[in-house]
Amino acid sequence: NVTIDNWFSSIPLCFDLLNEHILTVVSTLRKNKSEIPRALLETKGRPVGSSMFAFRDGCTMVSYRGNKKKNVLLSSMHDDDMIDQNECSPTLGKPEIVLFYNTSKGGVDVVDRYKENYNVARISNRWPMTVFYSLLNIAALNGFIFFEGELE
């Protein structure tokens, strides 16, 4: 399974990874994606804690309205509309997709945090330079992770 944030995720990528590489994906989606059904984006009038699901070809989309934000998540790992029913749990009413994403997104957040603190990127109008700076940021982060691993 691969957990990604909304910067990289798309519905065609989910289908491609599932069908050609047998990799499952759990990700958030940006709300400006044209592939998202309008019903999932419309949260006006929906109560807090409500969920709406959409299914297609092995992928599941869920629109979850939390306290502040409304999230649209995509998963090729989950194929049903399971919602946490444990009354003793603080996550009562949350879809399993949201719970799984929250437990596995730690690596994504760590990478974003380190990239923000130790960024070598410069302002450039040339896209190859932007890609180069992004690769350099990731290479530096990988080197730091290897260095930290050697110290342990």
Protein backbone atom coordinates (compact mmCIF):
# COMPACT_ATOMS: atom_id res chain seq x y z
CA ASN A 1 0.00 0.00 0.00
CA VAL A 2 1.09 3.56 -0.76
CA THR A 3 -0.20 6.56 1.21
CA ILE A 4 0.13 9.89 -0.59
CA ASP A 5 -1.11 13.41 -0.05
CA ASN A 6 -3.18 15.51 -2.43
CA TRP A 7 -0.14 16.95 -4.21
CA PHE A 8 0.51 13.70 -6.10
CA SER A 9 -2.83 11.91 -6.04
CA SER A 10 -5.30 11.53 -8.86
CA ILE A 11 -7.95 9.03 -9.83
CA PRO A 12 -6.16 7.90 -13.04
CA LEU A 13 -2.99 7.29 -10.97
CA CYS A 14 -5.00 5.16 -8.55
CA PHE A 15 -6.39 3.03 -11.40
CA ASP A 16 -2.95 2.73 -13.01
CA LEU A 17 -1.20 1.62 -9.81
CA LEU A 18 -3.95 -0.85 -9.00
CA ASN A 19 -4.33 -2.43 -12.45
CA GLU A 20 -0.77 -2.39 -13.78
CA HIS A 21 1.39 -2.60 -10.66
CA ILE A 22 -0.98 -4.23 -8.14
CA LEU A 23 -0.34 -1.43 -5.62
CA THR A 24 -3.12 -0.06 -3.47
CA VAL A 25 -3.37 3.66 -2.76
CA VAL A 26 -4.91 5.70 0.05
CA SER A 27 -4.79 9.45 -0.54
CA THR A 28 -6.53 12.75 -0.14
CA LEU A 29 -7.83 14.51 -3.23
CA ARG A 30 -7.88 18.17 -4.08
CA LYS A 31 -11.39 19.43 -4.51
CA ASN A 32 -10.71 20.91 -7.95
CA LYS A 33 -10.35 17.47 -9.61
CA SER A 34 -12.96 17.08 -12.35
CA GLU A 35 -13.29 13.34 -11.68
CA ILE A 36 -14.86 13.90 -8.24
CA PRO A 37 -18.67 13.67 -8.37
CA ARG A 38 -20.42 16.90 -7.40
CA ALA A 39 -22.44 15.08 -4.74
CA LEU A 40 -19.22 14.37 -2.81
CA LEU A 41 -18.15 18.01 -2.93
CA GLU A 42 -21.50 19.38 -1.75
CA THR A 43 -21.43 19.42 2.05
CA LYS A 44 -23.91 22.19 2.70
CA GLY A 45 -26.66 20.84 4.91
CA ARG A 46 -24.75 17.68 5.81
CA PRO A 47 -24.23 17.15 9.53
CA VAL A 48 -20.75 17.12 11.07
CA GLY A 49 -19.36 13.59 11.10
CA SER A 50 -21.33 12.47 8.04
CA SER A 51 -19.82 10.47 5.19
CA MET A 52 -20.74 9.91 1.57
CA PHE A 53 -19.18 7.14 -0.54
CA ALA A 54 -18.66 6.53 -4.26
CA PHE A 55 -17.38 3.29 -5.82
CA ARG A 56 -15.87 2.57 -9.25
CA ASP A 57 -13.67 -0.23 -10.63
CA GLY A 58 -12.02 -1.19 -7.34
CA CYS A 59 -11.56 2.36 -6.05
CA THR A 60 -13.55 3.98 -3.28
CA MET A 61 -14.01 7.70 -2.69
CA VAL A 62 -15.32 9.07 0.57
CA SER A 63 -16.36 12.59 1.42
CA TYR A 64 -16.10 13.00 5.18
CA ARG A 65 -17.25 16.15 6.93
CA GLY A 66 -15.25 16.57 10.11
CA ASN A 67 -15.48 19.39 12.63
CA LYS A 68 -13.72 22.01 10.53
CA LYS A 69 -12.81 20.60 7.15
CA LYS A 70 -14.45 18.44 4.60
CA ASN A 71 -12.12 15.84 3.16
CA VAL A 72 -12.32 13.76 0.02
CA LEU A 73 -10.23 10.61 0.22
CA LEU A 74 -9.51 7.99 -2.41
CA SER A 75 -8.66 4.37 -1.70
CA SER A 76 -8.07 1.30 -3.81
CA MET A 77 -7.33 -0.65 -0.63
CA HIS A 78 -10.82 -0.37 0.87
CA ASP A 79 -13.78 -1.70 -1.08
CA ASP A 80 -16.66 -1.04 1.30
CA ASP A 81 -18.21 1.74 3.34
CA MET A 82 -17.04 0.59 6.77
CA ILE A 83 -17.52 3.15 9.52
CA ASP A 84 -16.15 2.83 13.06
CA GLN A 85 -19.04 1.66 15.25
CA ASN A 86 -17.12 1.25 18.52
CA GLU A 87 -19.03 3.39 21.01
CA CYS A 88 -16.05 3.57 23.39
CA SER A 89 -13.78 4.92 20.68
CA PRO A 90 -13.15 8.64 20.10
CA THR A 91 -13.24 7.88 16.36
CA LEU A 92 -16.89 6.83 16.42
CA GLY A 93 -18.52 7.48 13.05
CA LYS A 94 -15.31 7.96 11.06
CA PRO A 95 -14.88 5.89 7.90
CA GLU A 96 -12.15 3.22 7.94
CA ILE A 97 -10.46 4.99 5.01
CA VAL A 98 -10.04 8.17 7.09
CA LEU A 99 -8.73 6.21 10.09
CA PHE A 100 -6.22 4.30 7.93
CA TYR A 101 -5.02 7.49 6.23
CA ASN A 102 -4.55 9.23 9.59
CA THR A 103 -2.45 6.35 10.95
CA SER A 104 -0.28 5.98 7.84
CA LYS A 105 0.24 9.59 6.74
CA GLY A 106 3.06 10.19 9.21
CA GLY A 107 5.80 9.70 6.61
CA VAL A 108 4.15 12.18 4.27
CA ASP A 109 3.98 14.83 6.99
CA VAL A 110 7.59 14.25 8.06
CA VAL A 111 8.85 14.67 4.49
CA ASP A 112 6.84 17.88 4.08
CA ARG A 113 8.12 19.25 7.40
CA TYR A 114 11.79 18.52 6.62
CA LYS A 115 11.47 19.88 3.10
CA GLU A 116 10.04 23.08 4.53
CA ASN A 117 12.85 23.53 7.07
CA TYR A 118 15.78 22.59 4.81
CA ASN A 119 14.77 23.81 1.38
CA VAL A 120 17.44 24.46 -1.27
CA ALA A 121 14.97 25.62 -3.94
CA ARG A 122 15.35 28.99 -5.61
CA ILE A 123 12.83 30.99 -7.57
CA SER A 124 13.02 29.94 -11.19
CA ASN A 125 10.81 30.26 -14.25
CA ARG A 126 12.42 27.20 -15.83
CA TRP A 127 10.65 23.97 -14.95
CA PRO A 128 13.78 21.77 -15.24
CA MET A 129 15.41 23.81 -12.49
CA THR A 130 12.31 23.47 -10.31
CA VAL A 131 12.38 19.69 -10.78
CA PHE A 132 16.12 19.65 -10.06
CA TYR A 133 15.66 21.57 -6.80
CA SER A 134 12.86 19.21 -5.75
CA LEU A 135 15.05 16.17 -6.45
CA LEU A 136 17.90 17.80 -4.54
CA ASN A 137 15.59 18.36 -1.55
CA ILE A 138 14.52 14.71 -1.56
CA ALA A 139 18.14 13.52 -1.97
CA ALA A 140 19.22 15.64 1.01
CA LEU A 141 16.34 14.26 3.07
CA ASN A 142 17.25 10.68 2.12
CA GLY A 143 20.87 11.35 3.09
CA PHE A 144 19.73 12.73 6.44
CA ILE A 145 17.56 9.65 7.07
CA PHE A 146 20.47 7.31 6.26
CA PHE A 147 22.77 9.35 8.53
CA GLU A 148 20.28 9.17 11.40
CA GLY A 149 19.95 5.41 10.85
CA GLU A 150 23.72 4.94 11.09
CA LEU A 151 23.83 6.76 14.43
CA GLU A 152 21.37 4.32 16.00
